[in-house]
Structures are given as structure tokens and as C-alpha cells.
């Protein structure tokens, strides 16, 4: 990609700037039923996905929850990195007196282990951030 050098006061400077932006490409963002994403012109992409697991009785210690991120908001090419965070939630606020471990994380699947639970905590909120090329 060859950019046009921009010099103050040059004739057709605005057109040269527009041509440079066109050559670089534009960052795109999107939202769909599978989450959100931001894609840069070089293909680097960050996607986000949130999944809620509900248990009306509340999550208790010793519970294991297998998760699967399923379809991501944008298709990735080749290797990518997935970061997953989980929290207990009662619909009002997060809990401080619990502990969740996420283990066995592969690109899309893993296990959440509730090490210390709370009967009032009805939801596990899983937030994933995926980095890679698309």
C-alpha cells in the first residue's frame, strides 16, 4: 500500500488525504446475536461475547458448569486467543463471597468450577474476549 505524501498547501491535498484513507482501509465494527466485534484494516479483530447461565436455586460450591461459546460474532482465521471471565450475579449486584475457577479452556469450550457459592447467586455471567485475525 503506497500512501501519497501530504504537504501543507499542496494542490488537491484533500483528495490525497481521502485517497490515503481509502488505501489504508477502514476499521469496522458490528453487533449481532452472537456478540460484538471490532476489525482493523490489517485483519486484527477483537470480539466480545456474553453468556448467562441461570440456576433458580442459586449456584453452590462444588458445581461444575461446562460452557461452549458457540458461534462467535465474526469468523476468525487461523489461531486466535480467547480470554474468559465469569462472575456470579443475583440480578442486582455481583457477589464478593464466592469463588469461580475457569479451567480446561480451549478456543470455545471449558469448565467453570464454583469453588465457593451462594444460594442467592442465580446467574453465572460469562464474558469472553477473542483476539485474532478475521
N, C-alpha and C. Protein backbone atom coordinates (compact mmCIF):
# COMPACT_ATOMS: atom_id res chain seq x y z
N UNK A 1 0.85 -1.16 0.00
CA UNK A 1 0.00 0.00 0.00
C UNK A 1 0.90 1.23 0.00
N UNK A 2 0.88 1.97 -1.06
CA UNK A 2 1.69 3.19 -1.17
C UNK A 2 0.81 4.39 -0.85
N UNK A 3 1.24 5.15 0.13
CA UNK A 3 0.49 6.34 0.51
C UNK A 3 1.05 7.56 -0.20
N UNK A 4 0.19 8.54 -0.42
CA UNK A 4 0.59 9.78 -1.07
C UNK A 4 1.15 10.71 -0.01
N UNK A 5 2.36 11.22 -0.18
CA UNK A 5 2.91 12.18 0.79
C UNK A 5 2.04 13.44 0.81
N UNK A 6 1.72 13.92 1.99
CA UNK A 6 0.89 15.10 2.15
C UNK A 6 1.79 16.26 2.59
N UNK A 7 1.70 17.35 1.85
CA UNK A 7 2.50 18.54 2.15
C UNK A 7 1.54 19.71 2.33
N UNK A 8 1.79 20.50 3.38
CA UNK A 8 0.94 21.66 3.66
C UNK A 8 0.84 22.55 2.42
N UNK A 9 -0.38 22.91 2.06
CA UNK A 9 -0.61 23.82 0.95
C UNK A 9 -0.58 23.16 -0.42
N UNK A 10 -0.44 21.85 -0.48
CA UNK A 10 -0.36 21.19 -1.78
C UNK A 10 -1.72 21.26 -2.49
N UNK A 11 -1.68 21.38 -3.81
CA UNK A 11 -2.95 21.36 -4.54
C UNK A 11 -3.57 19.97 -4.44
N UNK A 12 -4.87 19.90 -4.39
CA UNK A 12 -5.60 18.63 -4.29
C UNK A 12 -5.23 17.85 -3.02
N UNK A 13 -4.88 18.56 -1.95
CA UNK A 13 -4.50 17.92 -0.69
C UNK A 13 -5.64 17.10 -0.09
N UNK A 14 -6.85 17.63 -0.18
CA UNK A 14 -8.00 16.91 0.38
C UNK A 14 -8.20 15.58 -0.34
N UNK A 15 -8.05 15.60 -1.65
CA UNK A 15 -8.20 14.36 -2.43
C UNK A 15 -7.11 13.36 -2.07
N UNK A 16 -5.88 13.85 -1.84
CA UNK A 16 -4.78 12.97 -1.47
C UNK A 16 -5.04 12.33 -0.10
N UNK A 17 -5.58 13.12 0.82
CA UNK A 17 -5.90 12.58 2.15
C UNK A 17 -6.98 11.50 2.03
N UNK A 18 -8.02 11.77 1.25
CA UNK A 18 -9.08 10.77 1.04
C UNK A 18 -8.52 9.50 0.40
N UNK A 19 -7.62 9.67 -0.56
CA UNK A 19 -7.01 8.51 -1.22
C UNK A 19 -6.19 7.69 -0.22
N UNK A 20 -5.47 8.38 0.67
CA UNK A 20 -4.68 7.67 1.68
C UNK A 20 -5.58 6.86 2.62
N UNK A 21 -6.68 7.47 3.06
CA UNK A 21 -7.61 6.74 3.93
C UNK A 21 -8.21 5.54 3.21
N UNK A 22 -8.51 5.70 1.94
CA UNK A 22 -9.06 4.58 1.16
C UNK A 22 -8.03 3.47 1.04
N UNK A 23 -6.75 3.84 0.87
CA UNK A 23 -5.69 2.83 0.74
C UNK A 23 -5.48 2.07 2.04
N UNK A 24 -5.60 2.75 3.16
CA UNK A 24 -5.41 2.12 4.46
C UNK A 24 -6.59 1.22 4.79
N UNK A 25 -7.78 1.64 4.43
CA UNK A 25 -8.99 0.90 4.77
C UNK A 25 -9.61 1.46 6.03
N UNK A 26 -10.76 0.96 6.34
CA UNK A 26 -11.49 1.48 7.49
C UNK A 26 -11.65 0.40 8.55
N UNK A 27 -11.68 0.84 9.79
CA UNK A 27 -11.99 -0.05 10.89
C UNK A 27 -13.49 -0.31 10.83
N UNK A 28 -13.90 -1.55 11.01
CA UNK A 28 -15.32 -1.87 11.01
C UNK A 28 -15.72 -2.43 12.36
N UNK A 29 -16.94 -2.16 12.74
CA UNK A 29 -17.49 -2.70 13.98
C UNK A 29 -18.83 -3.33 13.65
N UNK A 30 -19.23 -4.27 14.46
CA UNK A 30 -20.52 -4.90 14.24
C UNK A 30 -21.06 -5.53 15.49
N UNK A 31 -22.35 -5.70 15.49
CA UNK A 31 -23.06 -6.37 16.59
C UNK A 31 -24.09 -7.29 15.97
N UNK A 32 -24.15 -8.50 16.49
CA UNK A 32 -25.19 -9.42 16.05
C UNK A 32 -25.61 -10.27 17.24
N UNK A 33 -26.42 -11.27 17.00
CA UNK A 33 -26.92 -12.11 18.09
C UNK A 33 -25.81 -12.85 18.82
N UNK A 34 -24.62 -12.94 18.22
CA UNK A 34 -23.51 -13.67 18.82
C UNK A 34 -22.52 -12.79 19.57
N UNK A 35 -22.73 -11.47 19.58
CA UNK A 35 -21.82 -10.57 20.29
C UNK A 35 -21.43 -9.37 19.45
N UNK A 36 -20.28 -8.78 19.79
CA UNK A 36 -19.80 -7.59 19.08
C UNK A 36 -18.37 -7.82 18.63
N UNK A 37 -17.93 -7.02 17.65
CA UNK A 37 -16.55 -7.13 17.19
C UNK A 37 -16.08 -5.79 16.64
N UNK A 38 -14.75 -5.64 16.64
CA UNK A 38 -14.07 -4.52 16.00
C UNK A 38 -12.96 -5.12 15.15
N UNK A 39 -12.94 -4.76 13.88
CA UNK A 39 -11.94 -5.31 12.94
C UNK A 39 -11.17 -4.15 12.33
N UNK A 40 -9.83 -4.21 12.43
CA UNK A 40 -8.96 -3.20 11.86
C UNK A 40 -8.61 -3.57 10.41
N UNK A 41 -8.15 -2.61 9.62
CA UNK A 41 -7.86 -2.87 8.20
C UNK A 41 -6.88 -4.02 7.95
N UNK A 42 -5.96 -4.26 8.88
CA UNK A 42 -5.00 -5.35 8.69
C UNK A 42 -5.56 -6.72 9.07
N UNK A 43 -6.84 -6.77 9.45
CA UNK A 43 -7.49 -8.03 9.79
C UNK A 43 -7.51 -8.36 11.27
N UNK A 44 -6.72 -7.62 12.10
CA UNK A 44 -6.73 -7.86 13.54
C UNK A 44 -8.14 -7.57 14.06
N UNK A 45 -8.66 -8.49 14.86
CA UNK A 45 -10.04 -8.39 15.32
C UNK A 45 -10.14 -8.69 16.80
N UNK A 46 -10.98 -7.92 17.49
CA UNK A 46 -11.34 -8.20 18.88
C UNK A 46 -12.84 -8.42 18.89
N UNK A 47 -13.26 -9.57 19.41
CA UNK A 47 -14.69 -9.87 19.51
C UNK A 47 -15.05 -10.07 20.98
N UNK A 48 -16.29 -9.80 21.32
CA UNK A 48 -16.78 -9.97 22.68
C UNK A 48 -18.09 -10.74 22.66
N UNK A 49 -18.24 -11.62 23.64
CA UNK A 49 -19.47 -12.39 23.74
C UNK A 49 -19.80 -12.59 25.21
N UNK A 50 -21.07 -12.46 25.56
CA UNK A 50 -21.53 -12.67 26.93
C UNK A 50 -22.59 -13.77 26.93
N UNK A 51 -22.47 -14.69 27.87
CA UNK A 51 -23.45 -15.76 28.02
C UNK A 51 -23.84 -15.81 29.50
N UNK A 52 -25.12 -16.00 29.77
CA UNK A 52 -25.61 -16.12 31.14
C UNK A 52 -26.13 -17.53 31.38
N UNK A 53 -25.65 -18.14 32.46
CA UNK A 53 -26.15 -19.45 32.88
C UNK A 53 -26.98 -19.22 34.13
N UNK A 54 -28.28 -19.58 34.08
CA UNK A 54 -29.20 -19.31 35.18
C UNK A 54 -29.48 -20.59 35.96
N UNK A 55 -29.48 -20.48 37.28
CA UNK A 55 -29.87 -21.57 38.16
C UNK A 55 -30.80 -20.97 39.21
N UNK A 56 -32.12 -21.18 39.09
CA UNK A 56 -33.08 -20.57 40.02
C UNK A 56 -32.81 -20.88 41.49
N UNK A 57 -32.15 -22.02 41.77
CA UNK A 57 -31.85 -22.39 43.17
C UNK A 57 -30.59 -21.72 43.69
N UNK A 58 -29.83 -21.09 42.82
CA UNK A 58 -28.55 -20.50 43.22
C UNK A 58 -27.41 -21.48 43.01
N UNK A 59 -26.24 -20.95 42.72
CA UNK A 59 -25.07 -21.79 42.47
C UNK A 59 -24.40 -22.12 43.79
N UNK A 60 -24.10 -23.39 43.99
CA UNK A 60 -23.50 -23.83 45.24
C UNK A 60 -22.09 -24.36 44.99
N UNK A 61 -21.32 -24.40 46.07
CA UNK A 61 -19.94 -24.89 45.98
C UNK A 61 -19.92 -26.31 45.44
N UNK A 62 -18.93 -26.59 44.60
CA UNK A 62 -18.76 -27.91 44.03
C UNK A 62 -19.43 -28.10 42.69
N UNK A 63 -20.19 -27.12 42.24
CA UNK A 63 -20.87 -27.22 40.95
C UNK A 63 -19.89 -26.98 39.82
N UNK A 64 -19.98 -27.80 38.78
CA UNK A 64 -19.20 -27.58 37.57
C UNK A 64 -20.16 -27.25 36.44
N UNK A 65 -19.84 -26.20 35.69
CA UNK A 65 -20.66 -25.78 34.56
C UNK A 65 -19.79 -25.81 33.32
N UNK A 66 -20.16 -26.65 32.37
CA UNK A 66 -19.42 -26.72 31.11
C UNK A 66 -19.97 -25.63 30.20
N UNK A 67 -19.08 -24.82 29.64
CA UNK A 67 -19.56 -23.77 28.74
C UNK A 67 -19.04 -24.00 27.33
N UNK A 68 -19.80 -23.49 26.39
CA UNK A 68 -19.43 -23.53 24.99
C UNK A 68 -19.81 -22.18 24.40
N UNK A 69 -18.82 -21.44 23.91
CA UNK A 69 -19.10 -20.11 23.36
C UNK A 69 -19.91 -20.17 22.08
N UNK A 70 -19.93 -21.31 21.44
CA UNK A 70 -20.73 -21.45 20.21
C UNK A 70 -20.22 -20.55 19.09
N UNK A 71 -21.13 -20.05 18.30
CA UNK A 71 -20.77 -19.21 17.17
C UNK A 71 -20.32 -17.84 17.66
N UNK A 72 -19.18 -17.40 17.18
CA UNK A 72 -18.66 -16.08 17.56
C UNK A 72 -19.27 -15.01 16.66
N UNK A 73 -19.18 -13.75 17.06
CA UNK A 73 -19.79 -12.68 16.26
C UNK A 73 -19.14 -12.47 14.89
N UNK A 74 -17.93 -12.97 14.69
CA UNK A 74 -17.25 -12.88 13.40
C UNK A 74 -16.35 -14.11 13.29
N UNK A 75 -16.17 -14.60 12.07
CA UNK A 75 -15.33 -15.79 11.87
C UNK A 75 -13.85 -15.41 11.95
N UNK A 76 -13.08 -16.20 12.68
CA UNK A 76 -11.64 -15.98 12.79
C UNK A 76 -10.90 -16.91 11.84
N UNK A 77 -9.73 -16.45 11.42
CA UNK A 77 -8.87 -17.22 10.52
C UNK A 77 -7.66 -17.68 11.31
N UNK A 78 -7.36 -18.97 11.26
CA UNK A 78 -6.17 -19.48 11.93
C UNK A 78 -6.29 -19.42 13.44
N UNK A 79 -5.13 -19.31 14.12
CA UNK A 79 -5.09 -19.30 15.58
C UNK A 79 -5.65 -17.99 16.13
N UNK A 80 -6.27 -18.08 17.28
CA UNK A 80 -6.75 -16.89 17.97
C UNK A 80 -6.71 -17.16 19.47
N UNK A 81 -6.79 -16.09 20.25
CA UNK A 81 -6.67 -16.18 21.70
C UNK A 81 -8.02 -15.86 22.32
N UNK A 82 -8.44 -16.68 23.29
CA UNK A 82 -9.71 -16.46 23.98
C UNK A 82 -9.44 -16.20 25.46
N UNK A 83 -9.98 -15.13 25.98
CA UNK A 83 -9.90 -14.83 27.41
C UNK A 83 -11.32 -14.86 27.96
N UNK A 84 -11.52 -15.61 29.04
CA UNK A 84 -12.86 -15.78 29.59
C UNK A 84 -12.87 -15.38 31.05
N UNK A 85 -13.91 -14.65 31.45
CA UNK A 85 -14.10 -14.26 32.84
C UNK A 85 -15.51 -14.62 33.24
N UNK A 86 -15.69 -15.12 34.45
CA UNK A 86 -17.02 -15.47 34.93
C UNK A 86 -17.28 -14.81 36.28
N UNK A 87 -18.53 -14.44 36.52
CA UNK A 87 -18.89 -13.87 37.82
C UNK A 87 -20.29 -14.33 38.20
N UNK A 88 -20.54 -14.44 39.50
CA UNK A 88 -21.87 -14.75 40.00
C UNK A 88 -22.65 -13.46 40.13
N UNK A 89 -23.94 -13.54 39.85
CA UNK A 89 -24.76 -12.34 39.84
C UNK A 89 -26.17 -12.70 40.28
N UNK A 90 -26.82 -11.84 41.06
CA UNK A 90 -28.18 -12.11 41.52
C UNK A 90 -29.23 -11.25 40.84
N UNK A 91 -28.83 -10.47 39.85
CA UNK A 91 -29.76 -9.56 39.19
C UNK A 91 -29.66 -8.15 39.74
N UNK A 92 -29.00 -8.00 40.88
CA UNK A 92 -28.82 -6.68 41.50
C UNK A 92 -27.35 -6.30 41.55
N UNK A 93 -26.51 -7.23 41.98
CA UNK A 93 -25.09 -6.95 42.10
C UNK A 93 -24.28 -8.22 42.11
N UNK A 94 -23.00 -8.08 41.86
CA UNK A 94 -22.11 -9.23 41.91
C UNK A 94 -21.82 -9.58 43.37
N UNK A 95 -21.38 -10.80 43.59
CA UNK A 95 -21.10 -11.26 44.94
C UNK A 95 -19.62 -11.23 45.22
N UNK A 96 -19.24 -10.88 46.44
CA UNK A 96 -17.85 -10.89 46.83
C UNK A 96 -17.48 -12.14 47.61
N UNK A 97 -18.49 -12.93 48.05
CA UNK A 97 -18.21 -14.08 48.89
C UNK A 97 -18.36 -15.39 48.10
N UNK A 98 -17.71 -15.44 46.94
CA UNK A 98 -17.76 -16.64 46.13
C UNK A 98 -16.43 -16.77 45.42
N UNK A 99 -16.21 -17.91 44.83
CA UNK A 99 -15.01 -18.09 44.04
C UNK A 99 -15.34 -19.00 42.88
N UNK A 100 -14.97 -18.58 41.68
CA UNK A 100 -15.16 -19.38 40.48
C UNK A 100 -13.79 -19.61 39.86
N UNK A 101 -13.55 -20.82 39.42
CA UNK A 101 -12.34 -21.12 38.66
C UNK A 101 -12.77 -21.53 37.26
N UNK A 102 -12.06 -21.04 36.27
CA UNK A 102 -12.30 -21.47 34.90
C UNK A 102 -11.12 -22.34 34.52
N UNK A 103 -11.42 -23.54 34.10
CA UNK A 103 -10.35 -24.45 33.74
C UNK A 103 -10.65 -25.12 32.41
N UNK A 104 -9.66 -25.80 31.89
CA UNK A 104 -9.81 -26.55 30.65
C UNK A 104 -10.33 -25.67 29.52
N UNK A 105 -9.82 -24.46 29.40
CA UNK A 105 -10.31 -23.55 28.37
C UNK A 105 -9.63 -23.84 27.04
N UNK A 106 -10.42 -24.17 26.07
CA UNK A 106 -9.99 -24.32 24.69
C UNK A 106 -10.57 -23.13 23.95
N UNK A 107 -10.38 -22.99 22.66
CA UNK A 107 -10.89 -21.80 21.99
C UNK A 107 -12.36 -21.48 22.26
N UNK A 108 -13.20 -22.49 22.37
CA UNK A 108 -14.63 -22.21 22.55
C UNK A 108 -15.26 -22.88 23.76
N UNK A 109 -14.60 -23.83 24.37
CA UNK A 109 -15.24 -24.59 25.44
C UNK A 109 -14.37 -24.64 26.69
N UNK A 110 -15.00 -24.90 27.82
CA UNK A 110 -14.27 -25.01 29.06
C UNK A 110 -15.20 -25.36 30.20
N UNK A 111 -14.69 -25.32 31.41
CA UNK A 111 -15.47 -25.65 32.59
C UNK A 111 -15.33 -24.54 33.62
N UNK A 112 -16.45 -24.13 34.18
CA UNK A 112 -16.45 -23.20 35.30
C UNK A 112 -16.69 -24.04 36.54
N UNK A 113 -15.82 -23.94 37.52
CA UNK A 113 -15.96 -24.68 38.76
C UNK A 113 -16.31 -23.69 39.86
N UNK A 114 -17.47 -23.86 40.48
CA UNK A 114 -17.89 -22.98 41.58
C UNK A 114 -17.24 -23.51 42.85
N UNK A 115 -16.20 -22.82 43.27
CA UNK A 115 -15.44 -23.27 44.44
C UNK A 115 -16.15 -22.88 45.74
N UNK A 116 -16.70 -21.69 45.76
CA UNK A 116 -17.46 -21.22 46.91
C UNK A 116 -18.68 -20.51 46.35
N UNK A 117 -19.87 -21.02 46.64
CA UNK A 117 -21.07 -20.49 46.02
C UNK A 117 -21.89 -19.62 46.94
N UNK A 118 -23.10 -19.31 46.50
CA UNK A 118 -24.03 -18.52 47.27
C UNK A 118 -25.41 -18.83 46.74
N UNK A 119 -26.32 -19.28 47.60
CA UNK A 119 -27.66 -19.68 47.16
C UNK A 119 -28.42 -18.54 46.51
N UNK A 120 -28.08 -17.29 46.86
CA UNK A 120 -28.78 -16.15 46.27
C UNK A 120 -28.26 -15.81 44.88
N UNK A 121 -27.09 -16.34 44.54
CA UNK A 121 -26.49 -16.03 43.23
C UNK A 121 -27.12 -16.92 42.18
N UNK A 122 -28.06 -16.38 41.43
CA UNK A 122 -28.85 -17.16 40.48
C UNK A 122 -28.18 -17.29 39.11
N UNK A 123 -27.26 -16.39 38.78
CA UNK A 123 -26.68 -16.37 37.44
C UNK A 123 -25.16 -16.43 37.47
N UNK A 124 -24.60 -17.12 36.49
CA UNK A 124 -23.18 -17.02 36.20
C UNK A 124 -23.10 -16.24 34.89
N UNK A 125 -22.43 -15.12 34.92
CA UNK A 125 -22.23 -14.29 33.73
C UNK A 125 -20.84 -14.61 33.17
N UNK A 126 -20.81 -15.10 31.97
CA UNK A 126 -19.57 -15.45 31.30
C UNK A 126 -19.28 -14.40 30.24
N UNK A 127 -18.12 -13.77 30.33
CA UNK A 127 -17.72 -12.76 29.35
C UNK A 127 -16.44 -13.23 28.67
N UNK A 128 -16.49 -13.33 27.35
CA UNK A 128 -15.32 -13.78 26.58
C UNK A 128 -14.85 -12.67 25.67
N UNK A 129 -13.53 -12.56 25.56
CA UNK A 129 -12.90 -11.65 24.62
C UNK A 129 -12.01 -12.49 23.74
N UNK A 130 -12.15 -12.36 22.43
CA UNK A 130 -11.41 -13.18 21.49
C UNK A 130 -10.56 -12.26 20.61
N UNK A 131 -9.26 -12.57 20.48
CA UNK A 131 -8.33 -11.77 19.68
C UNK A 131 -7.79 -12.64 18.55
N UNK A 132 -7.68 -12.09 17.38
CA UNK A 132 -7.09 -12.83 16.27
C UNK A 132 -7.32 -12.14 14.94
N UNK A 133 -7.12 -12.88 13.86
CA UNK A 133 -7.33 -12.36 12.51
C UNK A 133 -8.67 -12.84 11.98
N UNK A 134 -9.34 -11.96 11.25
CA UNK A 134 -10.61 -12.35 10.63
C UNK A 134 -10.62 -11.85 9.19
